C-alpha atoms as a PDB file:
ATOM      1  CA  MET A   1       2.818  -9.328 -10.399  1.00  0.00           C
ATOM      2  CA  THR A   2      -1.726 -12.973 -13.481  1.00  0.00           C
ATOM      3  CA  MET A   3      -1.891 -15.402 -15.689  1.00  0.00           C
ATOM      4  CA  LEU A   4      -1.018 -18.227 -14.362  1.00  0.00           C
ATOM      5  CA  LEU A   5      -2.977 -21.070 -14.109  1.00  0.00           C
ATOM      6  CA  LEU A   6      -4.886 -22.856 -16.532  1.00  0.00           C
ATOM      7  CA  LEU A   7      -5.580 -26.454 -16.842  1.00  0.00           C
ATOM      8  CA  CYS A   8      -3.525 -27.499 -19.801  1.00  0.00           C
ATOM      9  CA  SER A   9      -5.000 -29.543 -22.581  1.00  0.00           C
ATOM     10  CA  ALA A  10      -3.975 -33.144 -23.007  1.00  0.00           C
ATOM     11  CA  SER A  11      -1.811 -32.267 -25.965  1.00  0.00           C
ATOM     12  CA  VAL A  12       1.358 -34.297 -26.330  1.00  0.00           C
ATOM     13  CA  SER A  13       3.163 -31.493 -28.151  1.00  0.00           C
ATOM     14  CA  ALA A  14       5.411 -29.108 -26.257  1.00  0.00           C
ATOM     15  CA  VAL A  15       3.748 -25.932 -25.086  1.00  0.00           C
ATOM     16  CA  THR A  16       4.781 -22.670 -26.771  1.00  0.00           C
ATOM     17  CA  LEU A  17       5.014 -19.226 -25.179  1.00  0.00           C
ATOM     18  CA  ASP A  18       2.038 -18.046 -27.230  1.00  0.00           C
ATOM     19  CA  GLN A  19      -0.046 -21.009 -26.055  1.00  0.00           C
ATOM     20  CA  LEU A  20       1.021 -20.378 -22.484  1.00  0.00           C
ATOM     21  CA  GLN A  21      -0.085 -16.754 -22.626  1.00  0.00           C
ATOM     22  CA  GLN A  22      -3.439 -17.740 -24.149  1.00  0.00           C
ATOM     23  CA  ARG A  23      -4.007 -20.260 -21.370  1.00  0.00           C
ATOM     24  CA  PHE A  24      -3.201 -17.771 -18.651  1.00  0.00           C
ATOM     25  CA  ALA A  25      -5.350 -15.122 -20.299  1.00  0.00           C
ATOM     26  CA  SER A  26      -8.320 -17.495 -20.275  1.00  0.00           C
ATOM     27  CA  GLN A  27      -8.381 -17.564 -16.464  1.00  0.00           C
ATOM     28  CA  PRO A  28     -10.236 -14.503 -15.124  1.00  0.00           C
ATOM     29  CA  VAL A  29      -9.552 -15.335 -11.457  1.00  0.00           C
ATOM     30  CA  ILE A  30      -6.687 -17.301  -9.894  1.00  0.00           C
ATOM     31  CA  ARG A  31      -6.177 -18.128  -6.221  1.00  0.00           C
ATOM     32  CA  ALA A  32      -3.117 -19.761  -4.663  1.00  0.00           C
ATOM     33  CA  ASN A  33      -1.050 -20.156  -1.520  1.00  0.00           C
ATOM     34  CA  PHE A  34       2.544 -18.928  -1.527  1.00  0.00           C
ATOM     35  CA  VAL A  35       5.790 -19.441   0.331  1.00  0.00           C
ATOM     36  CA  GLN A  36       8.406 -16.741  -0.240  1.00  0.00           C
ATOM     37  CA  VAL A  37      12.021 -17.443   0.712  1.00  0.00           C
ATOM     38  CA  ARG A  38      14.387 -14.498   0.516  1.00  0.00           C
ATOM     39  CA  THR A  39      18.117 -15.177   0.850  1.00  0.00           C
ATOM     40  CA  ILE A  40      19.959 -11.955   1.691  1.00  0.00           C
ATOM     41  CA  ALA A  41      23.703 -11.638   1.241  1.00  0.00           C
ATOM     42  CA  GLY A  42      25.420 -11.544   4.631  1.00  0.00           C
ATOM     43  CA  MET A  43      22.518 -13.095   6.547  1.00  0.00           C
ATOM     44  CA  ALA A  44      22.896 -16.648   7.821  1.00  0.00           C
ATOM     45  CA  GLN A  45      19.197 -17.546   7.646  1.00  0.00           C
ATOM     46  CA  PRO A  46      16.741 -16.788   4.833  1.00  0.00           C
ATOM     47  CA  LEU A  47      13.566 -14.788   5.487  1.00  0.00           C
ATOM     48  CA  VAL A  48      10.481 -16.960   4.978  1.00  0.00           C
ATOM     49  CA  SER A  49       6.935 -15.649   4.590  1.00  0.00           C
ATOM     50  CA  ARG A  50       3.654 -17.416   3.830  1.00  0.00           C
ATOM     51  CA  GLY A  51       0.201 -16.386   2.731  1.00  0.00           C
ATOM     52  CA  GLN A  52      -2.350 -16.305  -0.081  1.00  0.00           C
ATOM     53  CA  LEU A  53      -2.695 -14.420  -3.326  1.00  0.00           C
ATOM     54  CA  LEU A  54      -5.580 -13.569  -5.614  1.00  0.00           C
ATOM     55  CA  ILE A  55      -5.165 -12.537  -9.259  1.00  0.00           C
ATOM     56  CA  ALA A  56      -8.157 -11.028 -11.046  1.00  0.00           C
ATOM     57  CA  GLN A  57      -7.658  -9.867 -14.630  1.00  0.00           C
ATOM     58  CA  GLN A  58     -10.010  -6.900 -14.280  1.00  0.00           C
ATOM     59  CA  GLN A  59      -9.134  -5.856 -10.711  1.00  0.00           C
ATOM     60  CA  GLY A  60      -5.460  -6.649 -10.150  1.00  0.00           C
ATOM     61  CA  LEU A  61      -3.297  -8.551  -7.685  1.00  0.00           C
ATOM     62  CA  TRP A  62      -4.072  -9.051  -3.971  1.00  0.00           C
ATOM     63  CA  TRP A  63      -1.240 -10.457  -1.827  1.00  0.00           C
ATOM     64  CA  GLN A  64      -1.934 -11.424   1.789  1.00  0.00           C
ATOM     65  CA  GLN A  65       1.107 -12.312   3.892  1.00  0.00           C
ATOM     66  CA  ASN A  66       0.148 -14.116   7.101  1.00  0.00           C
ATOM     67  CA  THR A  67       3.551 -14.933   8.596  1.00  0.00           C
ATOM     68  CA  PRO A  68       5.945 -13.779  10.001  1.00  0.00           C
ATOM     69  CA  PHE A  69       3.573 -10.761  10.340  1.00  0.00           C
ATOM     70  CA  PRO A  70       0.309  -9.751   8.641  1.00  0.00           C
ATOM     71  CA  MET A  71       0.754  -7.585   5.557  1.00  0.00           C
ATOM     72  CA  THR A  72      -1.540  -6.934   2.585  1.00  0.00           C
ATOM     73  CA  LEU A  73      -0.421  -5.673  -0.814  1.00  0.00           C
ATOM     74  CA  LEU A  74      -2.863  -4.549  -3.502  1.00  0.00           C
ATOM     75  CA  LEU A  75      -1.800  -3.749  -7.078  1.00  0.00           C
ATOM     76  CA  ASP A  76      -4.080  -2.434  -9.793  1.00  0.00           C
ATOM     77  CA  ASP A  77      -3.792  -0.108 -12.784  1.00  0.00           C
ATOM     78  CA  ARG A  78      -3.932   3.016 -10.612  1.00  0.00           C
ATOM     79  CA  ARG A  79      -2.124   2.289  -7.372  1.00  0.00           C
ATOM     80  CA  MET A  80      -0.170   0.080  -5.043  1.00  0.00           C
ATOM     81  CA  VAL A  81      -1.531  -0.103  -1.493  1.00  0.00           C
ATOM     82  CA  GLN A  82       0.446  -1.742   1.316  1.00  0.00           C
ATOM     83  CA  SER A  83      -1.222  -2.328   4.673  1.00  0.00           C
ATOM     84  CA  ILE A  84       0.612  -3.608   7.746  1.00  0.00           C
ATOM     85  CA  SER A  85      -1.423  -4.456  10.836  1.00  0.00           C
ATOM     86  CA  GLY A  86      -1.880  -1.441  13.093  1.00  0.00           C
ATOM     87  CA  GLN A  87      -0.522   1.110  10.594  1.00  0.00           C
ATOM     88  CA  PRO A  88      -2.239   3.391   8.078  1.00  0.00           C
ATOM     89  CA  PRO A  89      -2.142   2.056   4.490  1.00  0.00           C
ATOM     90  CA  GLN A  90       0.666   3.330   2.258  1.00  0.00           C
ATOM     91  CA  VAL A  91      -0.573   4.308  -1.208  1.00  0.00           C
ATOM     92  CA  ILE A  92       1.784   4.657  -4.174  1.00  0.00           C
ATOM     93  CA  THR A  93       0.599   5.962  -7.542  1.00  0.00           C
ATOM     94  CA  ALA A  94       2.323   6.650 -10.846  1.00  0.00           C
ATOM     95  CA  ASP A  95       2.290  10.365  -9.973  1.00  0.00           C
ATOM     96  CA  SER A  96       3.715  10.038  -6.476  1.00  0.00           C
ATOM     97  CA  ASN A  97       6.474   7.513  -7.253  1.00  0.00           C
ATOM     98  CA  PRO A  98       6.805   6.671 -10.968  1.00  0.00           C
ATOM     99  CA  GLN A  99       9.764   4.290 -10.593  1.00  0.00           C
ATOM    100  CA  MET A 100       8.216   2.258  -7.780  1.00  0.00           C
ATOM    101  CA  PHE A 101       4.899   2.121  -9.583  1.00  0.00           C
ATOM    102  CA  GLN A 102       6.623   0.900 -12.745  1.00  0.00           C
ATOM    103  CA  PHE A 103       8.234  -1.951 -10.820  1.00  0.00           C
ATOM    104  CA  ASN A 104       4.985  -2.967  -9.149  1.00  0.00           C
ATOM    105  CA  HIS A 105       3.102  -2.770 -12.454  1.00  0.00           C
ATOM    106  CA  LEU A 106       5.740  -5.143 -13.796  1.00  0.00           C
ATOM    107  CA  LEU A 107       5.176  -7.483 -10.841  1.00  0.00           C
ATOM    108  CA  ARG A 108       1.543  -7.745 -11.817  1.00  0.00           C
ATOM    109  CA  ALA A 109       2.558  -8.431 -15.431  1.00  0.00           C
ATOM    110  CA  LEU A 110       4.712 -11.339 -14.223  1.00  0.00           C
ATOM    111  CA  PHE A 111       1.753 -12.968 -12.505  1.00  0.00           C
ATOM    112  CA  GLN A 112      -0.478 -12.364 -15.526  1.00  0.00           C
ATOM    113  CA  ALA A 113       2.118 -13.551 -18.059  1.00  0.00           C
ATOM    114  CA  ASP A 114       1.598 -10.366 -20.043  1.00  0.00           C
ATOM    115  CA  GLU A 115       3.870 -11.109 -23.004  1.00  0.00           C
ATOM    116  CA  LYS A 116       3.684  -7.583 -24.428  1.00  0.00           C
ATOM    117  CA  VAL A 117       4.860  -5.963 -21.186  1.00  0.00           C
ATOM    118  CA  LEU A 118       7.505  -8.644 -20.634  1.00  0.00           C
ATOM    119  CA  ARG A 119       8.949  -8.249 -24.152  1.00  0.00           C
ATOM    120  CA  GLU A 120       9.143  -4.479 -23.685  1.00  0.00           C
ATOM    121  CA  ASN A 121      11.267  -4.882 -20.568  1.00  0.00           C
ATOM    122  CA  PHE A 122      13.142  -8.184 -20.985  1.00  0.00           C
ATOM    123  CA  THR A 123      14.898 -10.515 -23.356  1.00  0.00           C
ATOM    124  CA  LEU A 124      12.849 -13.711 -23.088  1.00  0.00           C
ATOM    125  CA  GLU A 125      14.333 -17.216 -22.854  1.00  0.00           C
ATOM    126  CA  PHE A 126      11.459 -19.696 -23.131  1.00  0.00           C
ATOM    127  CA  GLN A 127      12.023 -23.447 -22.802  1.00  0.00           C
ATOM    128  CA  ALA A 128       9.374 -26.133 -23.168  1.00  0.00           C
ATOM    129  CA  GLN A 129      10.324 -29.034 -20.902  1.00  0.00           C
ATOM    130  CA  GLY A 130       7.812 -31.685 -21.945  1.00  0.00           C
ATOM    131  CA  LYS A 131       4.441 -32.732 -20.539  1.00  0.00           C
ATOM    132  CA  ASP A 132       3.368 -29.070 -20.515  1.00  0.00           C
ATOM    133  CA  ASN A 133       6.203 -28.133 -18.164  1.00  0.00           C
ATOM    134  CA  TRP A 134       8.002 -24.923 -19.074  1.00  0.00           C
ATOM    135  CA  GLN A 135      10.521 -22.336 -17.922  1.00  0.00           C
ATOM    136  CA  LEU A 136      10.713 -18.651 -18.854  1.00  0.00           C
ATOM    137  CA  GLY A 137      13.876 -16.651 -18.183  1.00  0.00           C
ATOM    138  CA  LEU A 138      13.696 -12.843 -18.215  1.00  0.00           C
ATOM    139  CA  ILE A 139      16.861 -10.770 -18.772  1.00  0.00           C
ATOM    140  CA  PRO A 140      16.307  -7.030 -18.121  1.00  0.00           C
ATOM    141  CA  LYS A 141      16.960  -4.834 -21.165  1.00  0.00           C
ATOM    142  CA  ALA A 142      17.281  -1.358 -19.677  1.00  0.00           C
ATOM    143  CA  ALA A 143      17.184   0.830 -16.577  1.00  0.00           C
ATOM    144  CA  PRO A 144      15.850   0.733 -13.978  1.00  0.00           C
ATOM    145  CA  LEU A 145      15.293  -3.033 -14.139  1.00  0.00           C
ATOM    146  CA  ASN A 146      18.827  -3.911 -15.288  1.00  0.00           C
ATOM    147  CA  LYS A 147      20.116  -1.946 -12.300  1.00  0.00           C
ATOM    148  CA  ILE A 148      17.995  -4.038  -9.937  1.00  0.00           C
ATOM    149  CA  PHE A 149      17.915  -7.590 -11.351  1.00  0.00           C
ATOM    150  CA  ASN A 150      20.342  -9.951 -13.021  1.00  0.00           C
ATOM    151  CA  ARG A 151      17.414 -12.095 -14.145  1.00  0.00           C
ATOM    152  CA  ILE A 152      13.951 -13.354 -13.239  1.00  0.00           C
ATOM    153  CA  ASP A 153      12.888 -16.963 -13.851  1.00  0.00           C
ATOM    154  CA  LEU A 154       9.358 -18.348 -14.013  1.00  0.00           C
ATOM    155  CA  GLN A 155       8.634 -22.069 -13.963  1.00  0.00           C
ATOM    156  CA  GLY A 156       5.467 -24.115 -14.098  1.00  0.00           C
ATOM    157  CA  GLY A 157       3.251 -26.671 -15.746  1.00  0.00           C
ATOM    158  CA  ALA A 158      -0.521 -26.411 -15.825  1.00  0.00           C
ATOM    159  CA  PHE A 159      -0.074 -23.461 -13.455  1.00  0.00           C
ATOM    160  CA  LEU A 160       2.709 -21.088 -12.556  1.00  0.00           C
ATOM    161  CA  GLN A 161       4.617 -22.859  -9.790  1.00  0.00           C
ATOM    162  CA  GLN A 162       7.700 -20.792  -9.026  1.00  0.00           C
ATOM    163  CA  ILE A 163       9.195 -17.313  -9.484  1.00  0.00           C
ATOM    164  CA  ARG A 164      12.896 -16.703  -8.798  1.00  0.00           C
ATOM    165  CA  LEU A 165      14.382 -13.205  -8.541  1.00  0.00           C
ATOM    166  CA  ASP A 166      18.170 -12.752  -8.729  1.00  0.00           C
ATOM    167  CA  ASP A 167      19.108  -9.163  -7.922  1.00  0.00           C
ATOM    168  CA  LYS A 168      22.238  -7.086  -8.311  1.00  0.00           C
ATOM    169  CA  GLN A 169      22.920  -6.944  -4.562  1.00  0.00           C
ATOM    170  CA  GLY A 170      23.420 -10.701  -4.402  1.00  0.00           C
ATOM    171  CA  ASP A 171      20.007 -11.359  -2.845  1.00  0.00           C
ATOM    172  CA  LYS A 172      17.729 -14.092  -4.169  1.00  0.00           C
ATOM    173  CA  THR A 173      13.977 -14.441  -3.743  1.00  0.00           C
ATOM    174  CA  GLU A 174      12.035 -17.613  -4.509  1.00  0.00           C
ATOM    175  CA  ILE A 175       8.224 -17.639  -4.520  1.00  0.00           C
ATOM    176  CA  THR A 176       6.569 -21.066  -4.657  1.00  0.00           C
ATOM    177  CA  LEU A 177       2.834 -21.312  -5.390  1.00  0.00           C
ATOM    178  CA  SER A 178       0.595 -24.212  -4.371  1.00  0.00           C
ATOM    179  CA  ASP A 179      -3.072 -25.211  -4.128  1.00  0.00           C
ATOM    180  CA  THR A 180      -3.894 -23.111  -7.187  1.00  0.00           C
ATOM    181  CA  ARG A 181      -7.622 -22.689  -7.816  1.00  0.00           C
ATOM    182  CA  THR A 182      -9.524 -21.137 -10.718  1.00  0.00           C
ATOM    183  CA  GLU A 183     -13.093 -21.767  -9.507  1.00  0.00           C
ATOM    184  CA  PRO A 184     -15.301 -19.940  -9.113  1.00  0.00           C
ATOM    185  CA  GLY A 185     -14.367 -18.066 -12.293  1.00  0.00           C
ATOM    186  CA  HIS A 186     -15.579 -14.775 -10.811  1.00  0.00           C
ATOM    187  CA  LEU A 187     -14.828 -12.851  -7.631  1.00  0.00           C
ATOM    188  CA  THR A 188     -16.946 -13.587  -4.585  1.00  0.00           C
ATOM    189  CA  ASP A 189     -18.436 -10.617  -2.727  1.00  0.00           C
ATOM    190  CA  GLU A 190     -15.743 -10.959  -0.065  1.00  0.00           C
ATOM    191  CA  GLU A 191     -12.972 -11.031  -2.692  1.00  0.00           C
ATOM    192  CA  ARG A 192     -14.417  -8.019  -4.510  1.00  0.00           C
ATOM    193  CA  ALA A 193     -14.373  -6.069  -1.243  1.00  0.00           C
ATOM    194  CA  ARG A 194     -10.602  -6.633  -0.964  1.00  0.00           C
ATOM    195  CA  PHE A 195     -10.049  -4.407  -4.001  1.00  0.00           C
ATOM    196  CA  ALA A 196     -12.308  -1.675  -2.653  1.00  0.00           C
ATOM    197  CA  VAL A 197     -10.773  -1.171   0.791  1.00  0.00           C
ATOM    198  CA  ALA A 198      -8.229   1.487  -0.145  1.00  0.00           C
ATOM    199  CA  PRO A 199      -8.718   4.943  -1.663  1.00  0.00           C
END
Protein backbone atom coordinates (compact mmCIF):
# COMPACT_ATOMS: atom_id res chain seq x y z
CA MET A 1 0.00 0.00 0.00
CA THR A 2 5.53 3.56 -0.44
CA MET A 3 8.74 3.12 -0.99
CA LEU A 4 9.30 2.49 -4.12
CA LEU A 5 11.26 4.36 -6.27
CA LEU A 6 14.60 5.58 -5.97
CA LEU A 7 17.20 6.06 -8.53
CA CYS A 8 19.67 3.33 -7.80
CA SER A 9 23.35 4.04 -7.54
CA ALA A 10 25.68 2.82 -10.24
CA SER A 11 26.94 0.05 -8.01
CA VAL A 12 27.82 -3.18 -9.77
CA SER A 13 27.09 -5.27 -6.68
CA ALA A 14 23.72 -6.93 -6.23
CA VAL A 15 21.21 -4.93 -4.25
CA THR A 16 20.26 -6.22 -0.79
CA LEU A 17 16.88 -5.96 0.93
CA ASP A 18 18.32 -3.52 3.46
CA GLN A 19 19.69 -1.31 0.67
CA LEU A 20 16.37 -1.48 -1.13
CA GLN A 21 14.46 -0.32 1.94
CA GLN A 22 16.92 2.54 2.49
CA ARG A 23 16.49 3.67 -1.10
CA PHE A 24 12.72 3.61 -0.90
CA ALA A 25 12.78 5.39 2.45
CA SER A 26 14.84 8.21 0.93
CA GLN A 27 12.00 9.17 -1.43
CA PRO A 28 9.47 11.38 0.38
CA VAL A 29 7.06 11.56 -2.58
CA ILE A 30 6.50 9.09 -5.42
CA ARG A 31 4.12 9.43 -8.36
CA ALA A 32 3.32 6.78 -10.96
CA ASN A 33 0.75 5.50 -13.42
CA PHE A 34 -0.74 2.05 -12.89
CA VAL A 35 -2.51 -0.68 -14.82
CA GLN A 36 -4.28 -3.26 -12.67
CA VAL A 37 -5.31 -6.57 -14.23
CA ARG A 38 -7.47 -8.82 -12.09
CA THR A 39 -8.08 -12.38 -13.28
CA ILE A 40 -11.08 -13.87 -11.48
CA ALA A 41 -11.71 -17.60 -11.41
CA GLY A 42 -14.69 -18.46 -13.60
CA MET A 43 -14.59 -15.24 -15.63
CA ALA A 44 -13.44 -15.42 -19.24
CA GLN A 45 -11.99 -11.90 -19.39
CA PRO A 46 -9.82 -10.16 -16.79
CA LEU A 47 -10.90 -6.85 -15.23
CA VAL A 48 -8.53 -4.05 -16.26
CA SER A 49 -8.32 -0.66 -14.56
CA ARG A 50 -5.97 2.29 -15.09
CA GLY A 51 -5.06 5.42 -13.19
CA GLN A 52 -2.45 7.23 -11.11
CA LEU A 53 -1.08 6.86 -7.62
CA LEU A 54 0.72 9.15 -5.22
CA ILE A 55 2.76 7.92 -2.24
CA ALA A 56 3.80 10.45 0.39
CA GLN A 57 5.70 9.15 3.41
CA GLN A 58 4.09 11.62 5.82
CA GLN A 59 0.56 11.65 4.37
CA GLY A 60 -0.14 8.19 2.96
CA LEU A 61 -1.28 6.61 -0.29
CA TRP A 62 -3.63 8.22 -2.85
CA TRP A 63 -4.97 5.93 -5.60
CA GLN A 64 -6.97 7.43 -8.47
CA GLN A 65 -8.65 4.95 -10.81
CA ASN A 66 -9.77 6.58 -14.06
CA THR A 67 -11.10 3.60 -16.02
CA PRO A 68 -13.37 1.65 -16.25
CA PHE A 69 -15.01 4.13 -13.80
CA PRO A 70 -13.67 6.93 -11.58
CA MET A 71 -12.76 5.84 -8.06
CA THR A 72 -10.43 7.39 -5.47
CA LEU A 73 -8.86 5.54 -2.55
CA LEU A 74 -7.02 7.31 0.26
CA LEU A 75 -5.02 5.45 2.93
CA ASP A 76 -3.30 7.07 5.88
CA ASP A 77 -2.52 6.16 9.49
CA ARG A 78 -6.07 6.91 10.64
CA ARG A 79 -8.46 5.90 7.89
CA MET A 80 -9.26 4.48 4.50
CA VAL A 81 -11.56 6.64 2.37
CA GLN A 82 -13.09 5.33 -0.86
CA SER A 83 -14.93 7.72 -3.16
CA ILE A 84 -16.85 6.63 -6.25
CA SER A 85 -18.25 9.31 -8.54
CA GLY A 86 -21.73 10.39 -7.49
CA GLN A 87 -21.69 8.56 -4.13
CA PRO A 88 -20.84 9.71 -0.61
CA PRO A 89 -17.31 8.72 0.51
CA GLN A 90 -16.98 5.51 2.52
CA VAL A 91 -14.70 5.92 5.55
CA ILE A 92 -13.15 2.94 7.33
CA THR A 93 -11.16 3.34 10.55
CA ALA A 94 -9.43 0.90 12.88
CA ASP A 95 -12.38 1.26 15.28
CA SER A 96 -15.13 0.70 12.72
CA ASN A 97 -13.55 -2.25 10.88
CA PRO A 98 -10.28 -3.48 12.43
CA GLN A 99 -9.70 -6.34 9.97
CA MET A 100 -10.26 -4.24 6.86
CA PHE A 101 -8.12 -1.45 8.25
CA GLN A 102 -5.32 -3.91 9.00
CA PHE A 103 -5.36 -5.11 5.39
CA ASN A 104 -5.33 -1.60 3.98
CA HIS A 105 -2.55 -0.55 6.36
CA LEU A 106 -0.61 -3.50 4.99
CA LEU A 107 -1.29 -2.33 1.43
CA ARG A 108 0.36 0.95 2.26
CA ALA A 109 3.32 -0.91 3.79
CA LEU A 110 3.75 -2.81 0.51
CA PHE A 111 4.07 0.42 -1.45
CA GLN A 112 6.45 1.89 1.13
CA ALA A 113 8.57 -1.27 1.41
CA ASP A 114 8.21 -1.13 5.18
CA GLU A 115 10.45 -4.07 6.12
CA LYS A 116 9.39 -4.11 9.78
CA VAL A 117 5.68 -4.43 8.94
CA LEU A 118 6.38 -6.95 6.18
CA ARG A 119 8.50 -9.18 8.45
CA GLU A 120 5.78 -9.13 11.10
CA ASN A 121 3.23 -10.47 8.64
CA PHE A 122 5.20 -12.49 6.07
CA THR A 123 8.07 -14.84 5.46
CA LEU A 124 10.27 -12.89 3.04
CA GLU A 125 11.95 -14.39 -0.04
CA PHE A 126 14.29 -11.75 -1.47
CA GLN A 127 16.24 -12.34 -4.68
CA ALA A 128 18.72 -9.95 -6.25
CA GLN A 129 18.60 -10.43 -10.02
CA GLY A 130 21.54 -8.32 -11.16
CA LYS A 131 21.82 -4.75 -12.43
CA ASP A 132 19.76 -3.58 -9.44
CA ASN A 133 16.81 -5.75 -10.47
CA TRP A 134 15.15 -7.60 -7.62
CA GLN A 135 12.16 -9.69 -6.59
CA LEU A 136 10.55 -9.98 -3.15
CA GLY A 137 8.15 -12.82 -2.37
CA LEU A 138 5.86 -12.53 0.66
CA ILE A 139 4.35 -15.67 2.24
CA PRO A 140 1.66 -14.85 4.85
CA LYS A 141 2.48 -16.13 8.35
CA ALA A 142 -0.87 -15.98 10.14
CA ALA A 143 -4.55 -15.08 9.99
CA PRO A 144 -6.19 -13.17 8.49
CA LEU A 145 -3.62 -12.79 5.70
CA ASN A 146 -2.94 -16.52 5.28
CA LYS A 147 -6.68 -17.00 4.85
CA ILE A 148 -6.75 -14.45 2.03
CA PHE A 149 -3.46 -14.83 0.11
CA ASN A 150 -1.24 -17.66 -1.02
CA ARG A 151 1.54 -15.15 -1.67
CA ILE A 152 2.35 -11.62 -2.79
CA ASP A 153 5.26 -10.85 -5.12
CA LEU A 154 6.97 -7.50 -5.69
CA GLN A 155 9.38 -6.91 -8.55
CA GLY A 156 11.40 -3.94 -9.69
CA GLY A 157 14.68 -2.26 -10.43
CA ALA A 158 15.36 1.39 -9.72
CA PHE A 159 11.65 1.62 -8.90
CA LEU A 160 8.93 -0.79 -7.92
CA GLN A 161 7.53 -2.05 -11.22
CA GLN A 162 5.03 -4.79 -10.43
CA ILE A 163 2.92 -6.24 -7.60
CA ARG A 164 1.26 -9.65 -7.99
CA LEU A 165 -1.40 -10.92 -5.58
CA ASP A 166 -2.32 -14.62 -5.57
CA ASP A 167 -5.34 -15.23 -3.35
CA LYS A 168 -6.97 -18.29 -1.86
CA GLN A 169 -10.05 -18.06 -4.11
CA GLY A 170 -7.95 -18.63 -7.22
CA ASP A 171 -8.02 -14.97 -8.26
CA LYS A 172 -4.86 -13.16 -9.33
CA THR A 173 -4.19 -9.43 -9.41
CA GLU A 174 -1.25 -7.83 -11.20
CA ILE A 175 -0.44 -4.13 -10.75
CA THR A 176 2.12 -2.67 -13.16
CA LEU A 177 3.60 0.78 -12.46
CA SER A 178 5.08 3.10 -15.08
CA ASP A 179 6.27 6.68 -15.57
CA THR A 180 7.46 6.82 -11.96
CA ARG A 181 8.45 10.31 -10.80
CA THR A 182 10.08 11.52 -7.59
CA GLU A 183 10.29 15.25 -8.38
CA PRO A 184 9.32 17.55 -6.92
CA GLY A 185 10.38 15.95 -3.63
CA HIS A 186 7.47 17.59 -1.80
CA LEU A 187 3.71 17.67 -2.31
CA THR A 188 2.29 20.43 -4.48
CA ASP A 189 -0.64 22.41 -3.09
CA GLU A 190 -3.01 20.42 -5.30
CA GLU A 191 -1.54 17.10 -4.10
CA ARG A 192 -1.72 18.17 -0.45
CA ALA A 193 -5.42 18.97 -0.91
CA ARG A 194 -6.06 15.35 -1.98
CA PHE A 195 -5.24 14.17 1.54
CA ALA A 196 -7.49 16.77 3.15
CA VAL A 197 -10.73 16.12 1.27
CA ALA A 198 -12.19 13.51 3.61
CA PRO A 199 -13.07 13.74 7.31
